N, C-alpha and C. Protein backbone atom coordinates (compact mmCIF):
# COMPACT_ATOMS: atom_id res chain seq x y z
N ARG A 1 13.71 5.93 -37.49
CA ARG A 1 14.65 5.47 -36.39
C ARG A 1 14.32 3.90 -35.89
N SER A 2 14.74 3.18 -35.32
CA SER A 2 14.62 1.89 -35.09
C SER A 2 13.49 1.59 -33.73
N ASP A 3 13.24 0.42 -33.78
CA ASP A 3 12.48 -0.04 -32.53
C ASP A 3 13.41 -0.48 -31.39
N ILE A 4 13.11 0.10 -29.99
CA ILE A 4 14.48 -0.09 -29.00
C ILE A 4 13.07 -0.97 -28.09
N LYS A 5 13.34 -2.63 -28.27
CA LYS A 5 12.25 -3.21 -27.23
C LYS A 5 10.94 -2.50 -27.03
N GLY A 6 10.33 -2.23 -27.63
CA GLY A 6 9.15 -1.84 -28.21
C GLY A 6 9.18 -0.27 -27.85
N PHE A 7 10.07 0.11 -27.87
CA PHE A 7 10.15 1.86 -27.78
C PHE A 7 10.37 2.46 -29.17
N ILE A 8 9.46 3.28 -29.69
CA ILE A 8 10.01 3.97 -30.78
C ILE A 8 10.15 5.43 -30.29
N PRO A 9 11.41 5.82 -30.51
CA PRO A 9 11.47 7.23 -30.17
C PRO A 9 10.55 8.40 -30.90
N LEU A 10 10.42 9.28 -30.38
CA LEU A 10 9.57 10.53 -31.07
C LEU A 10 10.18 11.66 -30.82
N ALA A 11 10.73 12.20 -32.02
CA ALA A 11 12.03 13.50 -32.04
C ALA A 11 11.20 14.52 -32.00
N LYS A 12 9.87 14.79 -32.79
CA LYS A 12 9.39 16.39 -32.58
C LYS A 12 9.18 16.73 -31.17
N ILE A 13 9.25 18.15 -31.56
CA ILE A 13 8.82 19.24 -29.95
C ILE A 13 7.88 19.73 -30.33
N TRP A 14 6.70 19.71 -29.43
CA TRP A 14 5.19 19.92 -29.64
C TRP A 14 5.17 21.57 -29.74
N SER A 15 4.77 22.18 -30.68
CA SER A 15 4.42 23.47 -30.78
C SER A 15 3.18 24.20 -30.15
N GLY A 16 2.34 23.50 -29.90
CA GLY A 16 0.94 23.81 -29.68
C GLY A 16 0.95 24.56 -28.23
N SER A 17 -0.17 25.04 -28.44
CA SER A 17 -0.56 25.92 -27.03
C SER A 17 -0.74 25.70 -25.89
N VAL A 18 -0.40 25.98 -24.88
CA VAL A 18 -0.55 25.64 -23.26
C VAL A 18 -1.78 25.99 -22.94
N GLN A 19 -2.74 25.07 -22.16
CA GLN A 19 -3.73 25.55 -21.84
C GLN A 19 -4.17 24.39 -20.55
N ILE A 20 -5.10 25.25 -19.92
CA ILE A 20 -5.50 24.68 -18.58
C ILE A 20 -7.37 24.01 -19.16
N ASP A 21 -7.04 22.66 -18.81
CA ASP A 21 -8.34 22.23 -19.39
C ASP A 21 -9.53 22.36 -18.06
N SER A 22 -10.44 23.11 -17.90
CA SER A 22 -11.18 23.49 -17.25
C SER A 22 -12.58 22.77 -17.51
N SER A 23 -12.75 21.75 -18.30
CA SER A 23 -14.02 21.13 -18.45
C SER A 23 -14.32 20.12 -17.64
N SER A 24 -15.36 20.05 -17.13
CA SER A 24 -15.95 19.01 -16.24
C SER A 24 -16.51 17.96 -17.08
N ILE A 25 -16.04 16.95 -17.62
CA ILE A 25 -16.49 15.83 -18.67
C ILE A 25 -17.10 14.51 -17.93
N ASN A 26 -18.42 14.64 -17.89
CA ASN A 26 -18.99 13.50 -17.34
C ASN A 26 -19.31 12.51 -18.84
N TYR A 27 -18.79 11.36 -18.44
CA TYR A 27 -18.98 10.40 -19.25
C TYR A 27 -19.02 8.94 -18.80
N GLU A 28 -19.58 8.06 -19.60
CA GLU A 28 -20.01 6.98 -19.21
C GLU A 28 -18.71 6.10 -19.05
N ILE A 29 -18.59 5.29 -18.06
CA ILE A 29 -17.56 4.48 -17.91
C ILE A 29 -17.89 3.06 -18.56
N ASP A 30 -17.07 2.54 -19.24
CA ASP A 30 -17.14 1.03 -20.05
C ASP A 30 -17.00 0.27 -18.52
N SER A 31 -18.21 -0.62 -18.20
CA SER A 31 -18.20 -1.32 -17.08
C SER A 31 -17.40 -2.54 -17.37
N ILE A 32 -17.17 -2.99 -18.96
CA ILE A 32 -16.53 -4.22 -19.58
C ILE A 32 -14.80 -3.72 -19.12
N LYS A 33 -14.50 -2.64 -19.42
CA LYS A 33 -13.25 -2.52 -19.51
C LYS A 33 -12.70 -2.45 -17.67
N VAL A 34 -13.77 -1.46 -17.15
CA VAL A 34 -13.44 -1.49 -15.65
C VAL A 34 -13.33 -2.93 -14.82
N ASN A 35 -14.08 -3.63 -15.17
CA ASN A 35 -14.30 -5.37 -14.72
C ASN A 35 -12.75 -6.11 -15.36
N ALA A 36 -12.42 -5.71 -16.44
CA ALA A 36 -11.07 -6.48 -17.13
C ALA A 36 -9.74 -5.88 -16.18
N TYR A 37 -9.99 -4.39 -15.82
CA TYR A 37 -9.00 -4.12 -15.24
C TYR A 37 -8.79 -4.86 -13.53
N HIS A 38 -10.07 -4.63 -13.15
CA HIS A 38 -10.02 -5.49 -12.00
C HIS A 38 -9.32 -6.71 -11.88
N LYS A 39 -10.42 -7.49 -12.62
CA LYS A 39 -9.62 -9.14 -12.62
C LYS A 39 -8.03 -9.00 -13.19
N PHE A 40 -7.65 -8.12 -13.81
CA PHE A 40 -6.27 -8.53 -13.97
C PHE A 40 -5.46 -8.06 -12.78
N ILE A 41 -5.97 -7.17 -12.09
CA ILE A 41 -5.33 -7.03 -10.88
C ILE A 41 -5.39 -8.02 -9.61
N GLN A 42 -6.59 -8.84 -9.78
CA GLN A 42 -7.08 -9.88 -8.88
C GLN A 42 -6.30 -10.94 -9.33
N ASN A 43 -5.83 -11.20 -10.73
CA ASN A 43 -5.18 -12.34 -11.08
C ASN A 43 -3.34 -12.07 -10.63
N CYS A 44 -3.09 -11.00 -10.68
CA CYS A 44 -1.88 -10.74 -10.24
C CYS A 44 -1.54 -10.81 -8.54
N VAL A 45 -2.62 -10.40 -7.96
CA VAL A 45 -2.39 -10.54 -6.86
C VAL A 45 -2.36 -11.89 -6.21
N ARG A 46 -3.41 -12.81 -6.72
CA ARG A 46 -3.72 -14.42 -6.68
C ARG A 46 -2.01 -15.08 -7.07
N SER A 47 -1.38 -14.45 -8.33
CA SER A 47 -0.56 -14.97 -8.71
C SER A 47 0.86 -14.45 -8.00
N LYS A 48 0.69 -13.37 -7.13
CA LYS A 48 1.65 -13.17 -6.45
C LYS A 48 2.77 -12.28 -7.23
N VAL A 49 2.18 -11.93 -8.03
CA VAL A 49 2.99 -10.80 -9.03
C VAL A 49 3.20 -9.67 -8.40
N LYS A 50 3.84 -8.79 -8.02
CA LYS A 50 4.28 -7.66 -7.66
C LYS A 50 4.03 -6.61 -8.59
N LEU A 51 2.88 -5.72 -8.81
CA LEU A 51 2.19 -5.15 -9.73
C LEU A 51 2.17 -3.78 -9.50
N VAL A 52 2.77 -2.93 -10.30
CA VAL A 52 3.02 -1.43 -9.93
C VAL A 52 1.93 -0.93 -11.32
N ILE A 53 1.03 0.05 -11.06
CA ILE A 53 0.25 0.87 -12.01
C ILE A 53 0.73 2.36 -12.23
N VAL A 54 1.21 2.46 -13.24
CA VAL A 54 1.56 4.12 -13.94
C VAL A 54 0.80 4.71 -14.52
N CYS A 55 0.26 5.88 -14.35
CA CYS A 55 -0.56 7.08 -15.07
C CYS A 55 0.79 7.68 -15.55
N SER A 56 1.09 7.68 -16.78
CA SER A 56 2.00 8.99 -17.31
C SER A 56 1.54 10.35 -17.49
N PRO A 57 2.48 11.09 -17.71
CA PRO A 57 2.14 12.51 -17.74
C PRO A 57 1.81 13.14 -18.56
N TYR A 58 0.70 14.08 -18.34
CA TYR A 58 -0.04 15.22 -19.04
C TYR A 58 0.31 16.14 -19.50
N PHE A 59 0.01 16.62 -20.74
CA PHE A 59 0.49 17.98 -20.91
C PHE A 59 0.03 19.07 -20.39
N ASN A 60 -1.52 19.00 -20.32
CA ASN A 60 -2.21 19.97 -19.80
C ASN A 60 -2.84 19.71 -18.57
N LYS A 61 -2.64 21.05 -17.51
CA LYS A 61 -3.05 20.66 -16.30
C LYS A 61 -4.72 20.90 -16.60
N SER A 62 -5.18 19.96 -15.56
CA SER A 62 -6.99 20.01 -15.70
C SER A 62 -7.31 20.54 -13.74
N LYS A 63 -8.21 21.04 -14.23
CA LYS A 63 -8.95 21.85 -13.14
C LYS A 63 -9.58 20.43 -12.31
N TYR A 64 -10.11 19.64 -13.04
CA TYR A 64 -10.85 18.74 -12.46
C TYR A 64 -9.97 17.28 -12.51
N GLN A 65 -10.12 16.25 -11.41
CA GLN A 65 -9.80 14.72 -11.62
C GLN A 65 -10.34 14.26 -12.75
N ASN A 66 -9.14 13.58 -13.43
CA ASN A 66 -10.13 12.16 -14.45
C ASN A 66 -10.64 11.35 -14.15
N PHE A 67 -11.84 11.02 -14.57
CA PHE A 67 -13.00 10.08 -13.52
C PHE A 67 -12.27 8.67 -13.70
N SER A 68 -11.88 8.57 -14.93
CA SER A 68 -11.40 7.04 -15.09
C SER A 68 -9.90 6.71 -14.20
N LEU A 69 -9.28 8.34 -14.17
CA LEU A 69 -7.96 7.78 -13.36
C LEU A 69 -8.53 7.48 -11.60
N LYS A 70 -9.67 8.25 -11.46
CA LYS A 70 -9.96 8.02 -9.96
C LYS A 70 -10.56 6.70 -9.98
N ILE A 71 -11.21 6.35 -10.66
CA ILE A 71 -11.70 4.77 -10.86
C ILE A 71 -10.50 3.61 -10.55
N GLY A 72 -9.43 3.80 -11.55
CA GLY A 72 -8.38 3.05 -11.58
C GLY A 72 -7.69 3.20 -10.34
N LEU A 73 -7.59 4.44 -9.66
CA LEU A 73 -6.73 4.41 -8.47
C LEU A 73 -7.48 4.00 -7.18
N GLU A 74 -8.70 3.98 -7.19
CA GLU A 74 -9.65 3.46 -6.05
C GLU A 74 -9.63 1.82 -6.14
N ILE A 75 -9.64 1.13 -7.52
CA ILE A 75 -9.46 -0.27 -7.54
C ILE A 75 -8.06 -0.66 -7.12
N ALA A 76 -7.06 0.12 -7.50
CA ALA A 76 -5.70 -0.38 -7.01
C ALA A 76 -5.57 0.05 -5.55
N LYS A 77 -5.99 0.66 -4.94
CA LYS A 77 -5.96 1.01 -3.53
C LYS A 77 -6.75 -0.22 -2.98
N ARG A 78 -7.94 -0.54 -3.19
CA ARG A 78 -8.87 -1.44 -2.43
C ARG A 78 -7.83 -2.86 -2.73
N ASN A 79 -6.81 -2.90 -3.41
CA ASN A 79 -6.40 -4.08 -3.85
C ASN A 79 -4.76 -4.03 -3.07
N ASN A 80 -4.34 -2.85 -2.68
CA ASN A 80 -3.31 -2.79 -1.82
C ASN A 80 -2.31 -2.81 -3.33
N ILE A 81 -2.11 -2.21 -4.40
CA ILE A 81 -1.59 -1.91 -5.51
C ILE A 81 -0.93 -0.74 -5.70
N GLU A 82 0.60 -0.81 -5.67
CA GLU A 82 1.01 0.63 -5.79
C GLU A 82 0.74 1.18 -7.22
N PHE A 83 0.26 2.66 -6.92
CA PHE A 83 -0.38 3.63 -8.09
C PHE A 83 0.47 4.40 -8.19
N PHE A 84 1.42 4.55 -9.22
CA PHE A 84 2.06 6.26 -9.34
C PHE A 84 1.43 7.09 -10.62
N ASP A 85 0.81 7.99 -9.97
CA ASP A 85 0.18 8.76 -11.06
C ASP A 85 1.10 10.38 -11.18
N TYR A 86 1.39 10.26 -12.55
CA TYR A 86 2.37 11.45 -12.73
C TYR A 86 1.45 12.18 -13.86
N SER A 87 0.08 12.27 -13.87
CA SER A 87 -0.63 13.19 -14.62
C SER A 87 -0.74 14.35 -14.53
N GLN A 88 -0.49 14.85 -13.15
CA GLN A 88 -0.39 16.38 -12.90
C GLN A 88 1.16 16.76 -12.57
N ASN A 89 1.97 15.81 -12.70
CA ASN A 89 3.43 16.12 -12.23
C ASN A 89 4.20 17.28 -13.19
N SER A 90 4.45 18.11 -12.13
CA SER A 90 4.62 19.71 -12.61
C SER A 90 6.25 19.61 -13.58
N VAL A 91 6.73 18.52 -13.34
CA VAL A 91 7.94 18.84 -14.58
C VAL A 91 7.39 18.48 -16.25
N PHE A 92 6.26 18.04 -16.25
CA PHE A 92 5.89 17.78 -17.24
C PHE A 92 4.55 18.66 -18.03
N LEU A 93 4.00 19.11 -16.99
CA LEU A 93 2.92 20.25 -17.33
C LEU A 93 3.44 21.42 -18.25
N ASN A 94 2.46 21.42 -19.13
CA ASN A 94 2.89 22.71 -20.10
C ASN A 94 4.40 22.65 -20.53
N ASN A 95 4.93 21.48 -20.56
CA ASN A 95 6.60 21.49 -20.77
C ASN A 95 6.67 20.74 -22.20
N SER A 96 6.14 21.57 -23.32
CA SER A 96 6.24 21.44 -24.37
C SER A 96 7.79 20.39 -24.98
N LYS A 97 8.85 20.94 -24.64
CA LYS A 97 10.09 20.30 -24.88
C LYS A 97 9.94 18.87 -24.66
N LEU A 98 9.08 18.49 -23.84
CA LEU A 98 8.75 17.15 -23.31
C LEU A 98 7.81 16.20 -24.13
N PHE A 99 7.33 16.72 -25.21
CA PHE A 99 6.05 16.22 -25.54
C PHE A 99 6.22 16.40 -27.10
N THR A 100 5.52 15.40 -27.83
CA THR A 100 5.57 15.28 -29.34
C THR A 100 4.09 15.63 -29.89
N ASP A 101 3.07 15.72 -29.06
CA ASP A 101 1.86 16.43 -29.00
C ASP A 101 1.16 16.74 -27.75
N ASN A 102 0.12 17.20 -27.48
CA ASN A 102 -0.54 17.13 -26.11
C ASN A 102 -1.11 15.85 -25.46
N SER A 103 -0.53 14.46 -26.03
CA SER A 103 -0.55 13.47 -25.49
C SER A 103 0.38 12.00 -25.37
N HIS A 104 1.61 12.76 -26.21
CA HIS A 104 2.60 11.79 -26.18
C HIS A 104 3.94 12.47 -25.91
N LEU A 105 4.84 11.94 -24.92
CA LEU A 105 6.12 12.41 -24.63
C LEU A 105 7.05 12.19 -25.83
N ASN A 106 7.92 13.05 -26.16
CA ASN A 106 8.97 12.79 -27.16
C ASN A 106 10.16 12.03 -26.68
N GLU A 107 10.98 11.68 -27.31
CA GLU A 107 12.07 10.90 -26.55
C GLU A 107 12.99 11.47 -25.51
N LEU A 108 13.08 12.88 -25.25
CA LEU A 108 13.44 13.43 -24.16
C LEU A 108 12.52 13.48 -22.72
N GLY A 109 11.27 13.61 -23.37
CA GLY A 109 10.33 13.38 -22.24
C GLY A 109 10.29 11.76 -21.65
N ALA A 110 10.18 10.99 -22.62
CA ALA A 110 10.53 9.42 -22.36
C ALA A 110 11.46 9.19 -21.24
N LYS A 111 12.94 9.96 -21.89
CA LYS A 111 13.87 9.46 -20.93
C LYS A 111 13.78 9.99 -19.42
N VAL A 112 13.24 10.95 -19.51
CA VAL A 112 13.16 12.24 -18.22
C VAL A 112 11.89 11.23 -17.19
N PHE A 113 10.94 10.94 -18.07
CA PHE A 113 10.08 10.10 -17.18
C PHE A 113 10.48 8.75 -16.58
N SER A 114 11.20 8.12 -17.82
CA SER A 114 11.67 6.90 -17.24
C SER A 114 12.35 6.61 -15.96
N ASN A 115 13.54 7.73 -16.00
CA ASN A 115 14.42 8.04 -14.99
C ASN A 115 13.76 8.29 -13.75
N ILE A 116 12.55 9.37 -13.92
CA ILE A 116 12.14 9.80 -12.36
C ILE A 116 11.42 8.35 -12.04
N LEU A 117 10.44 7.60 -12.63
CA LEU A 117 9.88 6.21 -12.41
C LEU A 117 10.90 5.48 -11.86
N ILE A 118 11.85 5.30 -12.27
CA ILE A 118 13.00 4.15 -11.89
C ILE A 118 13.18 4.50 -10.30
N ASP A 119 13.44 5.80 -10.55
CA ASP A 119 13.53 6.30 -8.79
C ASP A 119 12.74 6.35 -7.95
N ASP A 120 11.71 6.70 -8.39
CA ASP A 120 10.33 6.33 -7.25
C ASP A 120 10.10 4.84 -7.00
N ILE A 121 10.30 3.78 -8.05
CA ILE A 121 10.08 2.68 -7.95
C ILE A 121 11.17 2.00 -6.91
N LYS A 122 12.65 2.34 -7.38
CA LYS A 122 13.64 2.05 -6.10
C LYS A 122 13.55 2.53 -4.91
N ARG A 123 12.98 3.94 -4.72
CA ARG A 123 12.58 4.41 -3.37
C ARG A 123 11.15 3.50 -2.52
N LYS A 124 10.51 3.26 -3.59
CA LYS A 124 9.43 2.48 -2.79
C LYS A 124 10.31 1.21 -2.23
N ILE A 125 10.90 0.47 -3.16
CA ILE A 125 11.06 -0.88 -2.52
C ILE A 125 12.15 -0.63 -1.53
N GLU A 126 12.98 0.36 -1.68
CA GLU A 126 14.00 0.47 -0.30
C GLU A 126 12.85 0.61 0.85
N ASP A 127 11.71 1.63 0.93
CA ASP A 127 11.15 1.90 1.82
C ASP A 127 10.22 0.40 2.26
N GLU A 128 10.24 0.07 1.61
CA GLU A 128 9.42 -1.61 1.84
C GLU A 128 10.53 -2.65 2.47
N SER A 129 11.37 -2.52 1.90
CA SER A 129 12.62 -3.77 2.77
C SER A 129 13.05 -2.93 4.27
N LYS A 130 12.57 -1.46 4.22
CA LYS A 130 12.90 -1.01 5.73
C LYS A 130 11.89 -1.60 6.76
N VAL A 131 10.64 -1.50 6.19
CA VAL A 131 9.69 -2.03 6.76
C VAL A 131 9.81 -3.84 7.32
N VAL A 132 10.23 -4.31 6.34
CA VAL A 132 10.51 -5.71 6.56
C VAL A 132 11.57 -6.07 7.62
N LEU A 133 12.97 -5.13 7.70
CA LEU A 133 14.00 -5.69 8.04
C LEU A 133 13.31 -4.91 9.52
N THR A 134 12.64 -4.05 9.84
CA THR A 134 12.29 -3.37 11.27
C THR A 134 11.55 -4.47 11.82
N ALA A 135 10.35 -4.81 11.10
CA ALA A 135 9.66 -5.86 11.37
C ALA A 135 10.27 -7.41 12.16
N PHE A 136 11.27 -7.57 11.47
CA PHE A 136 11.84 -8.76 11.83
C PHE A 136 13.53 -8.64 12.26
N PRO A 137 13.85 -7.37 13.13
CA PRO A 137 15.13 -7.14 13.42
C PRO A 137 16.00 -8.70 13.79
N ASN A 138 15.60 -9.10 14.22
CA ASN A 138 16.66 -10.56 14.73
C ASN A 138 16.32 -11.62 13.45
N SER A 139 16.25 -11.39 12.50
CA SER A 139 15.84 -12.55 11.74
C SER A 139 17.10 -12.84 10.63
N THR A 140 17.09 -13.82 10.29
CA THR A 140 18.10 -14.07 9.33
C THR A 140 17.65 -14.02 8.01
N LEU A 141 16.48 -13.20 7.62
CA LEU A 141 16.19 -13.07 6.20
C LEU A 141 17.28 -12.51 5.28
N PRO A 142 17.47 -13.23 4.34
CA PRO A 142 18.38 -12.21 3.17
C PRO A 142 17.92 -11.03 2.94
N ASP A 143 18.59 -10.04 2.38
CA ASP A 143 18.27 -8.41 2.15
C ASP A 143 17.97 -8.70 0.69
N LEU A 144 16.74 -9.02 0.40
CA LEU A 144 16.35 -9.02 -0.79
C LEU A 144 15.96 -7.72 -1.72
N SER A 145 15.79 -6.76 -0.70
CA SER A 145 15.70 -5.23 -1.60
C SER A 145 17.04 -4.80 -2.45
N GLN A 146 18.13 -6.01 -1.96
CA GLN A 146 19.69 -4.79 -2.87
C GLN A 146 19.41 -6.24 -4.35
N ILE A 147 18.59 -6.80 -4.25
CA ILE A 147 18.53 -7.86 -5.54
C ILE A 147 17.56 -7.00 -6.61
N SER A 148 16.38 -6.64 -5.73
CA SER A 148 15.62 -5.81 -6.58
C SER A 148 15.72 -4.67 -7.17
N VAL A 149 16.64 -3.68 -6.23
CA VAL A 149 17.24 -2.26 -6.51
C VAL A 149 18.56 -2.47 -7.44
N ALA A 150 19.27 -3.88 -7.60
CA ALA A 150 20.44 -3.87 -8.12
C ALA A 150 19.86 -4.12 -10.08
N ARG A 151 18.57 -4.54 -10.10
CA ARG A 151 18.04 -4.74 -11.27
C ARG A 151 17.59 -3.21 -11.88
N LEU A 152 17.33 -2.46 -10.71
CA LEU A 152 16.73 -1.32 -11.35
C LEU A 152 18.17 -0.05 -11.28
N GLN A 153 19.25 -0.46 -11.11
CA GLN A 153 20.08 0.51 -10.76
C GLN A 153 20.63 1.24 -12.30
N LYS A 154 20.55 0.31 -13.46
CA LYS A 154 20.89 0.86 -14.59
C LYS A 154 19.67 2.00 -15.12
N LYS A 155 20.18 3.08 -15.25
CA LYS A 155 18.93 4.10 -15.76
C LYS A 155 18.71 3.85 -17.28
N ALA A 156 17.30 4.26 -17.48
CA ALA A 156 16.66 4.00 -18.76
C ALA A 156 17.40 4.71 -19.83
N PHE A 157 17.69 4.07 -20.82
CA PHE A 157 18.33 4.64 -22.17
C PHE A 157 19.90 4.54 -21.80
């Protein structure tokens, strides 16, 4: 199969077992990676880049929150960055038809996830535009939300 703008579809459907991860793994966090992540966010904020951070779906349900994910979410929150966490999304959990293995979405899973993400980003943009328009009801500001939403109108794939 060919590369589609950096996306290489995986066709295989996973046939592994369904599990619930009940392990509470304590591991050392790499401070260099945490600092790089934090600096990346700060550079985006400083450059006025609208950043959205996404954690893609996991196959296995976990009883415990992923410590790395928790740190990433906290740093994003402190910097007012939108963080979409699909790690425990019920559409994907233990749904082998959407995965190639326990870590990678297959082509169908990627399409489903892309469409859910697009819908969530569109909804967030629409919600933010309502706040701006409510805050300035008599303003002559152009409706920029339609420009952003129009870019996302086309569904993935």
